[in-house]
Amino acid sequence: MSYIMPLFLLLFVLIIHAVFYYHDKAVIYGAAGETAAVGAQNERKKDGGNDLEGFFRERVKGKLIYLRDAEVSIVKTSDEVTVSASAHRGMLRADACQKARIVRPEQKIRRMRWIM
């Protein structure tokens, strides 16, 4: 019995760490997706965009349980906004890459009027 109890405790600790890791991974993916969507919406507006890195950090702040040192890089092209985020703690690392296309439906609708 004395050799089984440490195995149960080890298994319990590993399960808790895995749950915290996957929770943080889901938070990072959600924040990256939301940041990409907001960046694509802001590109359509006339005034441009706001600080997307600050927006990502605001979404992640206080929600990560296990992982630390969240890093984000945002690349804007004429067609899409790409948000690459990562967080790590020790050897565990969670990476997320979310993309959102910049659509301009008003231009397509205006072109369709001329066709009809």
PDB file of N, CA and C in Angstrom:
ATOM      1  N   MET A   1       0.820  -1.197   0.000  1.00  0.00           N
ATOM      2  CA  MET A   1       0.000   0.000   0.000  1.00  0.00           C
ATOM      3  C   MET A   1       0.864   1.260   0.000  1.00  0.00           C
ATOM      4  N   SER A   2       2.017   1.178   0.611  1.00  0.00           N
ATOM      5  CA  SER A   2       2.861   2.364   0.714  1.00  0.00           C
ATOM      6  C   SER A   2       3.484   2.750  -0.629  1.00  0.00           C
ATOM      7  N   TYR A   3       3.540   1.861  -1.575  1.00  0.00           N
ATOM      8  CA  TYR A   3       4.082   2.201  -2.887  1.00  0.00           C
ATOM      9  C   TYR A   3       2.985   2.645  -3.859  1.00  0.00           C
ATOM     10  N   ILE A   4       1.731   2.400  -3.544  1.00  0.00           N
ATOM     11  CA  ILE A   4       0.631   2.800  -4.426  1.00  0.00           C
ATOM     12  C   ILE A   4       0.233   4.254  -4.195  1.00  0.00           C
ATOM     13  N   MET A   5       0.279   4.706  -2.955  1.00  0.00           N
ATOM     14  CA  MET A   5      -0.160   6.066  -2.633  1.00  0.00           C
ATOM     15  C   MET A   5       0.659   7.138  -3.368  1.00  0.00           C
ATOM     16  N   PRO A   6       1.980   7.065  -3.425  1.00  0.00           N
ATOM     17  CA  PRO A   6       2.716   8.067  -4.205  1.00  0.00           C
ATOM     18  C   PRO A   6       2.351   8.049  -5.691  1.00  0.00           C
ATOM     19  N   LEU A   7       2.034   6.893  -6.222  1.00  0.00           N
ATOM     20  CA  LEU A   7       1.607   6.824  -7.622  1.00  0.00           C
ATOM     21  C   LEU A   7       0.271   7.532  -7.826  1.00  0.00           C
ATOM     22  N   PHE A   8      -0.648   7.357  -6.890  1.00  0.00           N
ATOM     23  CA  PHE A   8      -1.930   8.060  -6.981  1.00  0.00           C
ATOM     24  C   PHE A   8      -1.741   9.569  -6.880  1.00  0.00           C
ATOM     25  N   LEU A   9      -0.886   9.995  -5.977  1.00  0.00           N
ATOM     26  CA  LEU A   9      -0.625  11.429  -5.837  1.00  0.00           C
ATOM     27  C   LEU A   9       0.041  11.989  -7.091  1.00  0.00           C
ATOM     28  N   LEU A  10       0.978  11.248  -7.651  1.00  0.00           N
ATOM     29  CA  LEU A  10       1.629  11.681  -8.887  1.00  0.00           C
ATOM     30  C   LEU A  10       0.620  11.774 -10.027  1.00  0.00           C
ATOM     31  N   LEU A  11      -0.238  10.788 -10.130  1.00  0.00           N
ATOM     32  CA  LEU A  11      -1.270  10.800 -11.164  1.00  0.00           C
ATOM     33  C   LEU A  11      -2.218  11.978 -10.979  1.00  0.00           C
ATOM     34  N   PHE A  12      -2.595  12.260  -9.749  1.00  0.00           N
ATOM     35  CA  PHE A  12      -3.476  13.390  -9.458  1.00  0.00           C
ATOM     36  C   PHE A  12      -2.824  14.710  -9.854  1.00  0.00           C
ATOM     37  N   VAL A  13      -1.564  14.887  -9.503  1.00  0.00           N
ATOM     38  CA  VAL A  13      -0.845  16.119  -9.844  1.00  0.00           C
ATOM     39  C   VAL A  13      -0.705  16.259 -11.358  1.00  0.00           C
ATOM     40  N   LEU A  14      -0.410  15.183 -12.054  1.00  0.00           N
ATOM     41  CA  LEU A  14      -0.289  15.240 -13.514  1.00  0.00           C
ATOM     42  C   LEU A  14      -1.618  15.591 -14.175  1.00  0.00           C
ATOM     43  N   ILE A  15      -2.704  15.058 -13.660  1.00  0.00           N
ATOM     44  CA  ILE A  15      -4.026  15.382 -14.217  1.00  0.00           C
ATOM     45  C   ILE A  15      -4.351  16.853 -13.995  1.00  0.00           C
ATOM     46  N   ILE A  16      -4.059  17.379 -12.818  1.00  0.00           N
ATOM     47  CA  ILE A  16      -4.315  18.796 -12.534  1.00  0.00           C
ATOM     48  C   ILE A  16      -3.482  19.680 -13.456  1.00  0.00           C
ATOM     49  N   HIS A  17      -2.220  19.352 -13.654  1.00  0.00           N
ATOM     50  CA  HIS A  17      -1.367  20.133 -14.558  1.00  0.00           C
ATOM     51  C   HIS A  17      -1.890  20.070 -15.993  1.00  0.00           C
ATOM     52  N   ALA A  18      -2.348  18.920 -16.428  1.00  0.00           N
ATOM     53  CA  ALA A  18      -2.885  18.787 -17.784  1.00  0.00           C
ATOM     54  C   ALA A  18      -4.157  19.611 -17.951  1.00  0.00           C
ATOM     55  N   VAL A  19      -5.017  19.604 -16.958  1.00  0.00           N
ATOM     56  CA  VAL A  19      -6.253  20.399 -17.032  1.00  0.00           C
ATOM     57  C   VAL A  19      -5.925  21.883 -17.096  1.00  0.00           C
ATOM     58  N   PHE A  20      -5.004  22.344 -16.264  1.00  0.00           N
ATOM     59  CA  PHE A  20      -4.612  23.754 -16.291  1.00  0.00           C
ATOM     60  C   PHE A  20      -3.971  24.125 -17.626  1.00  0.00           C
ATOM     61  N   TYR A  21      -3.148  23.246 -18.180  1.00  0.00           N
ATOM     62  CA  TYR A  21      -2.500  23.505 -19.470  1.00  0.00           C
ATOM     63  C   TYR A  21      -3.541  23.661 -20.576  1.00  0.00           C
ATOM     64  N   TYR A  22      -4.487  22.737 -20.652  1.00  0.00           N
ATOM     65  CA  TYR A  22      -5.491  22.819 -21.713  1.00  0.00           C
ATOM     66  C   TYR A  22      -6.454  23.981 -21.500  1.00  0.00           C
ATOM     67  N   HIS A  23      -6.684  24.384 -20.261  1.00  0.00           N
ATOM     68  CA  HIS A  23      -7.479  25.582 -20.006  1.00  0.00           C
ATOM     69  C   HIS A  23      -6.762  26.806 -20.563  1.00  0.00           C
ATOM     70  N   ASP A  24      -5.486  26.945 -20.252  1.00  0.00           N
ATOM     71  CA  ASP A  24      -4.723  28.090 -20.736  1.00  0.00           C
ATOM     72  C   ASP A  24      -4.605  28.082 -22.256  1.00  0.00           C
ATOM     73  N   LYS A  25      -4.478  26.909 -22.837  1.00  0.00           N
ATOM     74  CA  LYS A  25      -4.407  26.805 -24.295  1.00  0.00           C
ATOM     75  C   LYS A  25      -5.714  27.286 -24.928  1.00  0.00           C
ATOM     76  N   ALA A  26      -6.840  26.933 -24.341  1.00  0.00           N
ATOM     77  CA  ALA A  26      -8.135  27.387 -24.854  1.00  0.00           C
ATOM     78  C   ALA A  26      -8.289  28.896 -24.707  1.00  0.00           C
ATOM     79  N   VAL A  27      -7.804  29.456 -23.611  1.00  0.00           N
ATOM     80  CA  VAL A  27      -7.863  30.906 -23.412  1.00  0.00           C
ATOM     81  C   VAL A  27      -7.024  31.615 -24.467  1.00  0.00           C
ATOM     82  N   ILE A  28      -5.832  31.100 -24.746  1.00  0.00           N
ATOM     83  CA  ILE A  28      -4.951  31.728 -25.736  1.00  0.00           C
ATOM     84  C   ILE A  28      -5.565  31.644 -27.131  1.00  0.00           C
ATOM     85  N   TYR A  29      -6.128  30.488 -27.494  1.00  0.00           N
ATOM     86  CA  TYR A  29      -6.774  30.353 -28.798  1.00  0.00           C
ATOM     87  C   TYR A  29      -7.963  31.298 -28.925  1.00  0.00           C
ATOM     88  N   GLY A  30      -8.757  31.406 -27.890  1.00  0.00           N
ATOM     89  CA  GLY A  30      -9.917  32.294 -27.934  1.00  0.00           C
ATOM     90  C   GLY A  30      -9.523  33.752 -28.056  1.00  0.00           C
ATOM     91  N   ALA A  31      -8.532  34.167 -27.283  1.00  0.00           N
ATOM     92  CA  ALA A  31      -8.079  35.551 -27.338  1.00  0.00           C
ATOM     93  C   ALA A  31      -7.438  35.866 -28.686  1.00  0.00           C
ATOM     94  N   ALA A  32      -6.694  34.921 -29.252  1.00  0.00           N
ATOM     95  CA  ALA A  32      -6.078  35.141 -30.564  1.00  0.00           C
ATOM     96  C   ALA A  32      -7.146  35.244 -31.649  1.00  0.00           C
ATOM     97  N   GLY A  33      -8.154  34.397 -31.590  1.00  0.00           N
ATOM     98  CA  GLY A  33      -9.239  34.468 -32.572  1.00  0.00           C
ATOM     99  C   GLY A  33     -10.024  35.756 -32.465  1.00  0.00           C
ATOM    100  N   GLU A  34     -10.298  36.180 -31.245  1.00  0.00           N
ATOM    101  CA  GLU A  34     -11.032  37.425 -31.056  1.00  0.00           C
ATOM    102  C   GLU A  34     -10.209  38.625 -31.513  1.00  0.00           C
ATOM    103  N   THR A  35      -8.918  38.600 -31.253  1.00  0.00           N
ATOM    104  CA  THR A  35      -8.044  39.688 -31.698  1.00  0.00           C
ATOM    105  C   THR A  35      -7.974  39.742 -33.219  1.00  0.00           C
ATOM    106  N   ALA A  36      -7.906  38.591 -33.869  1.00  0.00           N
ATOM    107  CA  ALA A  36      -7.879  38.565 -35.334  1.00  0.00           C
ATOM    108  C   ALA A  36      -9.184  39.104 -35.909  1.00  0.00           C
ATOM    109  N   ALA A  37     -10.310  38.746 -35.323  1.00  0.00           N
ATOM    110  CA  ALA A  37     -11.600  39.229 -35.815  1.00  0.00           C
ATOM    111  C   ALA A  37     -11.736  40.735 -35.630  1.00  0.00           C
ATOM    112  N   VAL A  38     -11.308  41.242 -34.483  1.00  0.00           N
ATOM    113  CA  VAL A  38     -11.373  42.688 -34.241  1.00  0.00           C
ATOM    114  C   VAL A  38     -10.428  43.422 -35.183  1.00  0.00           C
ATOM    115  N   GLY A  39      -9.250  42.857 -35.435  1.00  0.00           N
ATOM    116  CA  GLY A  39      -8.315  43.481 -36.369  1.00  0.00           C
ATOM    117  C   GLY A  39      -8.867  43.541 -37.780  1.00  0.00           C
ATOM    118  N   ALA A  40      -9.560  42.487 -38.214  1.00  0.00           N
ATOM    119  CA  ALA A  40     -10.164  42.484 -39.548  1.00  0.00           C
ATOM    120  C   ALA A  40     -11.300  43.493 -39.633  1.00  0.00           C
ATOM    121  N   GLN A  41     -12.070  43.634 -38.574  1.00  0.00           N
ATOM    122  CA  GLN A  41     -13.151  44.621 -38.575  1.00  0.00           C
ATOM    123  C   GLN A  41     -12.602  46.036 -38.575  1.00  0.00           C
ATOM    124  N   ASN A  42     -11.518  46.268 -37.835  1.00  0.00           N
ATOM    125  CA  ASN A  42     -10.941  47.609 -37.780  1.00  0.00           C
ATOM    126  C   ASN A  42     -10.297  48.007 -39.097  1.00  0.00           C
ATOM    127  N   GLU A  43      -9.823  47.058 -39.881  1.00  0.00           N
ATOM    128  CA  GLU A  43      -9.231  47.383 -41.179  1.00  0.00           C
ATOM    129  C   GLU A  43     -10.279  47.917 -42.151  1.00  0.00           C
ATOM    130  N   ARG A  44     -11.515  47.514 -41.970  1.00  0.00           N
ATOM    131  CA  ARG A  44     -12.581  47.985 -42.853  1.00  0.00           C
ATOM    132  C   ARG A  44     -12.981  49.418 -42.549  1.00  0.00           C
ATOM    133  N   LYS A  45     -12.745  49.869 -41.339  1.00  0.00           N
ATOM    134  CA  LYS A  45     -13.150  51.215 -40.948  1.00  0.00           C
ATOM    135  C   LYS A  45     -12.192  52.243 -41.532  1.00  0.00           C
ATOM    136  N   LYS A  46     -12.672  53.448 -41.643  1.00  0.00           N
ATOM    137  CA  LYS A  46     -11.863  54.527 -42.220  1.00  0.00           C
ATOM    138  C   LYS A  46     -10.724  54.948 -41.294  1.00  0.00           C
ATOM    139  N   ASP A  47     -10.970  54.957 -39.980  1.00  0.00           N
ATOM    140  CA  ASP A  47      -9.969  55.470 -39.049  1.00  0.00           C
ATOM    141  C   ASP A  47      -8.813  54.509 -38.808  1.00  0.00           C
ATOM    142  N   GLY A  48      -8.886  53.315 -39.362  1.00  0.00           N
ATOM    143  CA  GLY A  48      -7.790  52.361 -39.191  1.00  0.00           C
ATOM    144  C   GLY A  48      -8.059  51.426 -38.039  1.00  0.00           C
ATOM    145  N   GLY A  49      -7.057  51.167 -37.235  1.00  0.00           N
ATOM    146  CA  GLY A  49      -7.214  50.208 -36.150  1.00  0.00           C
ATOM    147  C   GLY A  49      -6.711  50.765 -34.834  1.00  0.00           C
ATOM    148  N   ASN A  50      -6.810  49.941 -33.837  1.00  0.00           N
ATOM    149  CA  ASN A  50      -6.291  50.299 -32.531  1.00  0.00           C
ATOM    150  C   ASN A  50      -5.165  49.336 -32.165  1.00  0.00           C
ATOM    151  N   ASP A  51      -4.735  49.390 -30.948  1.00  0.00           N
ATOM    152  CA  ASP A  51      -3.622  48.559 -30.487  1.00  0.00           C
ATOM    153  C   ASP A  51      -4.100  47.126 -30.290  1.00  0.00           C
ATOM    154  N   LEU A  52      -3.823  46.261 -31.257  1.00  0.00           N
ATOM    155  CA  LEU A  52      -4.287  44.881 -31.179  1.00  0.00           C
ATOM    156  C   LEU A  52      -3.494  44.069 -30.157  1.00  0.00           C
ATOM    157  N   GLU A  53      -2.218  44.380 -29.985  1.00  0.00           N
ATOM    158  CA  GLU A  53      -1.442  43.670 -28.968  1.00  0.00           C
ATOM    159  C   GLU A  53      -1.975  43.981 -27.575  1.00  0.00           C
ATOM    160  N   GLY A  54      -2.330  45.231 -27.347  1.00  0.00           N
ATOM    161  CA  GLY A  54      -2.939  45.607 -26.071  1.00  0.00           C
ATOM    162  C   GLY A  54      -4.288  44.936 -25.876  1.00  0.00           C
ATOM    163  N   PHE A  55      -5.043  44.809 -26.971  1.00  0.00           N
ATOM    164  CA  PHE A  55      -6.338  44.128 -26.904  1.00  0.00           C
ATOM    165  C   PHE A  55      -6.153  42.664 -26.514  1.00  0.00           C
ATOM    166  N   PHE A  56      -5.150  41.997 -27.105  1.00  0.00           N
ATOM    167  CA  PHE A  56      -4.870  40.598 -26.763  1.00  0.00           C
ATOM    168  C   PHE A  56      -4.455  40.467 -25.302  1.00  0.00           C
ATOM    169  N   ARG A  57      -3.555  41.341 -24.867  1.00  0.00           N
ATOM    170  CA  ARG A  57      -3.089  41.258 -23.481  1.00  0.00           C
ATOM    171  C   ARG A  57      -4.224  41.515 -22.492  1.00  0.00           C
ATOM    172  N   GLU A  58      -5.146  42.402 -22.867  1.00  0.00           N
ATOM    173  CA  GLU A  58      -6.307  42.669 -22.016  1.00  0.00           C
ATOM    174  C   GLU A  58      -7.192  41.431 -21.900  1.00  0.00           C
ATOM    175  N   ARG A  59      -7.341  40.689 -22.993  1.00  0.00           N
ATOM    176  CA  ARG A  59      -8.165  39.477 -22.987  1.00  0.00           C
ATOM    177  C   ARG A  59      -7.526  38.345 -22.195  1.00  0.00           C
ATOM    178  N   VAL A  60      -6.202  38.301 -22.172  1.00  0.00           N
ATOM    179  CA  VAL A  60      -5.503  37.204 -21.508  1.00  0.00           C
ATOM    180  C   VAL A  60      -5.206  37.524 -20.038  1.00  0.00           C
ATOM    181  N   LYS A  61      -5.138  38.809 -19.707  1.00  0.00           N
ATOM    182  CA  LYS A  61      -4.709  39.228 -18.373  1.00  0.00           C
ATOM    183  C   LYS A  61      -5.597  38.627 -17.276  1.00  0.00           C
ATOM    184  N   GLY A  62      -4.979  37.927 -16.362  1.00  0.00           N
ATOM    185  CA  GLY A  62      -5.683  37.367 -15.226  1.00  0.00           C
ATOM    186  C   GLY A  62      -6.415  36.068 -15.494  1.00  0.00           C
ATOM    187  N   LYS A  63      -6.343  35.538 -16.712  1.00  0.00           N
ATOM    188  CA  LYS A  63      -7.076  34.319 -17.044  1.00  0.00           C
ATOM    189  C   LYS A  63      -6.190  33.087 -17.161  1.00  0.00           C
ATOM    190  N   LEU A  64      -4.900  33.285 -17.319  1.00  0.00           N
ATOM    191  CA  LEU A  64      -4.002  32.140 -17.433  1.00  0.00           C
ATOM    192  C   LEU A  64      -3.701  31.584 -16.043  1.00  0.00           C
ATOM    193  N   ILE A  65      -3.852  30.283 -15.891  1.00  0.00           N
ATOM    194  CA  ILE A  65      -3.636  29.639 -14.600  1.00  0.00           C
ATOM    195  C   ILE A  65      -2.217  29.090 -14.493  1.00  0.00           C
ATOM    196  N   TYR A  66      -1.796  28.390 -15.508  1.00  0.00           N
ATOM    197  CA  TYR A  66      -0.534  27.648 -15.428  1.00  0.00           C
ATOM    198  C   TYR A  66       0.581  28.290 -16.251  1.00  0.00           C
ATOM    199  N   LEU A  67       0.299  28.686 -17.460  1.00  0.00           N
ATOM    200  CA  LEU A  67       1.326  29.215 -18.360  1.00  0.00           C
ATOM    201  C   LEU A  67       1.599  30.683 -18.058  1.00  0.00           C
ATOM    202  N   ARG A  68       2.801  31.107 -18.348  1.00  0.00           N
ATOM    203  CA  ARG A  68       3.211  32.490 -18.138  1.00  0.00           C
ATOM    204  C   ARG A  68       3.873  33.004 -19.414  1.00  0.00           C
ATOM    205  N   ASP A  69       4.239  34.267 -19.387  1.00  0.00           N
ATOM    206  CA  ASP A  69       4.987  34.907 -20.471  1.00  0.00           C
ATOM    207  C   ASP A  69       4.263  34.777 -21.807  1.00  0.00           C
ATOM    208  N   ALA A  70       3.043  35.290 -21.876  1.00  0.00           N
ATOM    209  CA  ALA A  70       2.292  35.263 -23.132  1.00  0.00           C
ATOM    210  C   ALA A  70       2.893  36.282 -24.094  1.00  0.00           C
ATOM    211  N   GLU A  71       3.186  35.829 -25.301  1.00  0.00           N
ATOM    212  CA  GLU A  71       3.755  36.681 -26.343  1.00  0.00           C
ATOM    213  C   GLU A  71       2.809  36.678 -27.531  1.00  0.00           C
ATOM    214  N   VAL A  72       2.743  37.792 -28.227  1.00  0.00           N
ATOM    215  CA  VAL A  72       1.847  37.887 -29.377  1.00  0.00           C
ATOM    216  C   VAL A  72       2.551  38.653 -30.493  1.00  0.00           C
ATOM    217  N   SER A  73       2.304  38.222 -31.728  1.00  0.00           N
ATOM    218  CA  SER A  73       2.766  38.962 -32.897  1.00  0.00           C
ATOM    219  C   SER A  73       1.614  39.017 -33.888  1.00  0.00           C
ATOM    220  N   ILE A  74       1.419  40.190 -34.450  1.00  0.00           N
ATOM    221  CA  ILE A  74       0.289  40.427 -35.345  1.00  0.00           C
ATOM    222  C   ILE A  74       0.827  40.885 -36.689  1.00  0.00           C
ATOM    223  N   VAL A  75       0.375  40.217 -37.742  1.00  0.00           N
ATOM    224  CA  VAL A  75       0.786  40.553 -39.107  1.00  0.00           C
ATOM    225  C   VAL A  75      -0.466  40.918 -39.890  1.00  0.00           C
ATOM    226  N   LYS A  76      -0.449  42.125 -40.456  1.00  0.00           N
ATOM    227  CA  LYS A  76      -1.577  42.573 -41.273  1.00  0.00           C
ATOM    228  C   LYS A  76      -1.141  42.620 -42.729  1.00  0.00           C
ATOM    229  N   THR A  77      -1.923  42.000 -43.581  1.00  0.00           N
ATOM    230  CA  THR A  77      -1.722  42.110 -45.020  1.00  0.00           C
ATOM    231  C   THR A  77      -2.983  42.722 -45.603  1.00  0.00           C
ATOM    232  N   SER A  78      -3.013  42.849 -46.916  1.00  0.00           N
ATOM    233  CA  SER A  78      -4.196  43.438 -47.541  1.00  0.00           C
ATOM    234  C   SER A  78      -5.385  42.485 -47.516  1.00  0.00           C
ATOM    235  N   ASP A  79      -5.132  41.189 -47.366  1.00  0.00           N
ATOM    236  CA  ASP A  79      -6.212  40.201 -47.389  1.00  0.00           C
ATOM    237  C   ASP A  79      -6.606  39.665 -46.026  1.00  0.00           C
ATOM    238  N   GLU A  80      -5.670  39.624 -45.073  1.00  0.00           N
ATOM    239  CA  GLU A  80      -5.993  38.982 -43.802  1.00  0.00           C
ATOM    240  C   GLU A  80      -5.161  39.544 -42.658  1.00  0.00           C
ATOM    241  N   VAL A  81      -5.628  39.255 -41.461  1.00  0.00           N
ATOM    242  CA  VAL A  81      -4.919  39.589 -40.230  1.00  0.00           C
ATOM    243  C   VAL A  81      -4.548  38.270 -39.564  1.00  0.00           C
ATOM    244  N   THR A  82      -3.271  38.096 -39.253  1.00  0.00           N
ATOM    245  CA  THR A  82      -2.792  36.870 -38.623  1.00  0.00           C
ATOM    246  C   THR A  82      -2.274  37.196 -37.230  1.00  0.00           C
ATOM    247  N   VAL A  83      -2.792  36.483 -36.245  1.00  0.00           N
ATOM    248  CA  VAL A  83      -2.361  36.654 -34.860  1.00  0.00           C
ATOM    249  C   VAL A  83      -1.682  35.360 -34.424  1.00  0.00           C
ATOM    250  N   SER A  84      -0.413  35.466 -34.062  1.00  0.00           N
ATOM    251  CA  SER A  84       0.337  34.316 -33.547  1.00  0.00           C
ATOM    252  C   SER A  84       0.649  34.585 -32.078  1.00  0.00           C
ATOM    253  N   ALA A  85       0.177  33.702 -31.220  1.00  0.00           N
ATOM    254  CA  ALA A  85       0.372  33.878 -29.784  1.00  0.00           C
ATOM    255  C   ALA A  85       1.008  32.625 -29.201  1.00  0.00           C
ATOM    256  N   SER A  86       1.771  32.822 -28.160  1.00  0.00           N
ATOM    257  CA  SER A  86       2.377  31.680 -27.476  1.00  0.00           C
ATOM    258  C   SER A  86       2.565  32.029 -26.006  1.00  0.00           C
ATOM    259  N   ALA A  87       2.540  30.996 -25.202  1.00  0.00           N
ATOM    260  CA  ALA A  87       2.825  31.129 -23.774  1.00  0.00           C
ATOM    261  C   ALA A  87       3.571  29.873 -23.352  1.00  0.00           C
ATOM    262  N   HIS A  88       4.432  30.017 -22.378  1.00  0.00           N
ATOM    263  CA  HIS A  88       5.204  28.846 -21.961  1.00  0.00           C
ATOM    264  C   HIS A  88       5.486  28.899 -20.471  1.00  0.00           C
ATOM    265  N   ARG A  89       5.775  27.745 -19.969  1.00  0.00           N
ATOM    266  CA  ARG A  89       6.240  27.599 -18.593  1.00  0.00           C
ATOM    267  C   ARG A  89       7.100  26.348 -18.557  1.00  0.00           C
ATOM    268  N   GLY A  90       8.359  26.555 -18.368  1.00  0.00           N
ATOM    269  CA  GLY A  90       9.284  25.423 -18.388  1.00  0.00           C
ATOM    270  C   GLY A  90       9.346  24.823 -19.779  1.00  0.00           C
ATOM    271  N   MET A  91       9.095  23.534 -19.859  1.00  0.00           N
ATOM    272  CA  MET A  91       9.136  22.856 -21.150  1.00  0.00           C
ATOM    273  C   MET A  91       7.780  22.850 -21.852  1.00  0.00           C
ATOM    274  N   LEU A  92       6.724  23.180 -21.136  1.00  0.00           N
ATOM    275  CA  LEU A  92       5.399  23.215 -21.752  1.00  0.00           C
ATOM    276  C   LEU A  92       5.218  24.516 -22.510  1.00  0.00           C
ATOM    277  N   ARG A  93       4.661  24.412 -23.701  1.00  0.00           N
ATOM    278  CA  ARG A  93       4.469  25.586 -24.548  1.00  0.00           C
ATOM    279  C   ARG A  93       3.159  25.428 -25.300  1.00  0.00           C
ATOM    280  N   ALA A  94       2.397  26.504 -25.356  1.00  0.00           N
ATOM    281  CA  ALA A  94       1.149  26.510 -26.115  1.00  0.00           C
ATOM    282  C   ALA A  94       1.251  27.596 -27.175  1.00  0.00           C
ATOM    283  N   ASP A  95       1.085  27.209 -28.425  1.00  0.00           N
ATOM    284  CA  ASP A  95       1.137  28.142 -29.544  1.00  0.00           C
ATOM    285  C   ASP A  95      -0.224  28.193 -30.215  1.00  0.00           C
ATOM    286  N   ALA A  96      -0.608  29.394 -30.641  1.00  0.00           N
ATOM    287  CA  ALA A  96      -1.873  29.562 -31.345  1.00  0.00           C
ATOM    288  C   ALA A  96      -1.648  30.493 -32.526  1.00  0.00           C
ATOM    289  N   CYS A  97      -2.242  30.156 -33.646  1.00  0.00           N
ATOM    290  CA  CYS A  97      -2.183  30.997 -34.838  1.00  0.00           C
ATOM    291  C   CYS A  97      -3.598  31.093 -35.390  1.00  0.00           C
ATOM    292  N   GLN A  98      -4.161  32.277 -35.360  1.00  0.00           N
ATOM    293  CA  GLN A  98      -5.521  32.499 -35.839  1.00  0.00           C
ATOM    294  C   GLN A  98      -5.484  33.545 -36.946  1.00  0.00           C
ATOM    295  N   LYS A  99      -6.276  33.307 -37.976  1.00  0.00           N
ATOM    296  CA  LYS A  99      -6.340  34.227 -39.110  1.00  0.00           C
ATOM    297  C   LYS A  99      -7.774  34.671 -39.321  1.00  0.00           C
ATOM    298  N   ALA A 100      -7.918  35.906 -39.768  1.00  0.00           N
ATOM    299  CA  ALA A 100      -9.230  36.429 -40.132  1.00  0.00           C
ATOM    300  C   ALA A 100      -9.079  37.191 -41.442  1.00  0.00           C
ATOM    301  N   ARG A 101      -9.913  36.847 -42.393  1.00  0.00           N
ATOM    302  CA  ARG A 101      -9.859  37.521 -43.689  1.00  0.00           C
ATOM    303  C   ARG A 101     -10.500  38.894 -43.585  1.00  0.00           C
ATOM    304  N   ILE A 102      -9.937  39.836 -44.319  1.00  0.00           N
ATOM    305  CA  ILE A 102     -10.506  41.174 -44.390  1.00  0.00           C
ATOM    306  C   ILE A 102     -11.436  41.185 -45.591  1.00  0.00           C
ATOM    307  N   VAL A 103     -12.710  41.182 -45.313  1.00  0.00           N
ATOM    308  CA  VAL A 103     -13.702  41.181 -46.386  1.00  0.00           C
ATOM    309  C   VAL A 103     -14.256  42.588 -46.530  1.00  0.00           C
ATOM    310  N   ARG A 104     -14.546  42.933 -47.741  1.00  0.00           N
ATOM    311  CA  ARG A 104     -15.127  44.242 -48.036  1.00  0.00           C
ATOM    312  C   ARG A 104     -16.391  44.027 -48.869  1.00  0.00           C
ATOM    313  N   PRO A 105     -17.492  43.655 -48.218  1.00  0.00           N
ATOM    314  CA  PRO A 105     -18.707  43.346 -48.974  1.00  0.00           C
ATOM    315  C   PRO A 105     -19.312  44.571 -49.650  1.00  0.00           C
ATOM    316  N   GLU A 106     -19.069  45.756 -49.094  1.00  0.00           N
ATOM    317  CA  GLU A 106     -19.651  46.953 -49.710  1.00  0.00           C
ATOM    318  C   GLU A 106     -19.084  47.187 -51.105  1.00  0.00           C
ATOM    319  N   GLN A 107     -17.824  46.862 -51.329  1.00  0.00           N
ATOM    320  CA  GLN A 107     -17.251  47.025 -52.665  1.00  0.00           C
ATOM    321  C   GLN A 107     -17.859  46.026 -53.643  1.00  0.00           C
ATOM    322  N   LYS A 108     -18.083  44.812 -53.203  1.00  0.00           N
ATOM    323  CA  LYS A 108     -18.679  43.801 -54.076  1.00  0.00           C
ATOM    324  C   LYS A 108     -20.125  44.159 -54.411  1.00  0.00           C
ATOM    325  N   ILE A 109     -20.852  44.670 -53.435  1.00  0.00           N
ATOM    326  CA  ILE A 109     -22.246  45.062 -53.681  1.00  0.00           C
ATOM    327  C   ILE A 109     -22.296  46.215 -54.668  1.00  0.00           C
ATOM    328  N   ARG A 110     -21.404  47.170 -54.543  1.00  0.00           N
ATOM    329  CA  ARG A 110     -21.383  48.297 -55.483  1.00  0.00           C
ATOM    330  C   ARG A 110     -21.048  47.828 -56.894  1.00  0.00           C
ATOM    331  N   ARG A 111     -20.162  46.851 -57.023  1.00  0.00           N
ATOM    332  CA  ARG A 111     -19.850  46.310 -58.344  1.00  0.00           C
ATOM    333  C   ARG A 111     -21.038  45.567 -58.927  1.00  0.00           C
ATOM    334  N   MET A 112     -21.801  44.893 -58.088  1.00  0.00           N
ATOM    335  CA  MET A 112     -22.958  44.137 -58.572  1.00  0.00           C
ATOM    336  C   MET A 112     -24.044  45.065 -59.106  1.00  0.00           C
ATOM    337  N   ARG A 113     -24.167  46.269 -58.579  1.00  0.00           N
ATOM    338  CA  ARG A 113     -25.162  47.219 -59.083  1.00  0.00           C
ATOM    339  C   ARG A 113     -24.880  47.581 -60.541  1.00  0.00           C
ATOM    340  N   TRP A 114     -23.611  47.716 -60.869  1.00  0.00           N
ATOM    341  CA  TRP A 114     -23.264  48.078 -62.233  1.00  0.00           C
ATOM    342  C   TRP A 114     -23.503  46.916 -63.193  1.00  0.00           C
ATOM    343  N   ILE A 115     -23.404  45.704 -62.707  1.00  0.00           N
ATOM    344  CA  ILE A 115     -23.623  44.539 -63.560  1.00  0.00           C
ATOM    345  C   ILE A 115     -25.092  44.409 -63.910  1.00  0.00           C
ATOM    346  N   MET A 116     -25.955  44.649 -62.949  1.00  0.00           N
ATOM    347  CA  MET A 116     -27.396  44.491 -63.173  1.00  0.00           C
ATOM    348  C   MET A 116     -27.904  45.608 -63.981  1.00  0.00           C
TER     349      MET A 116
END
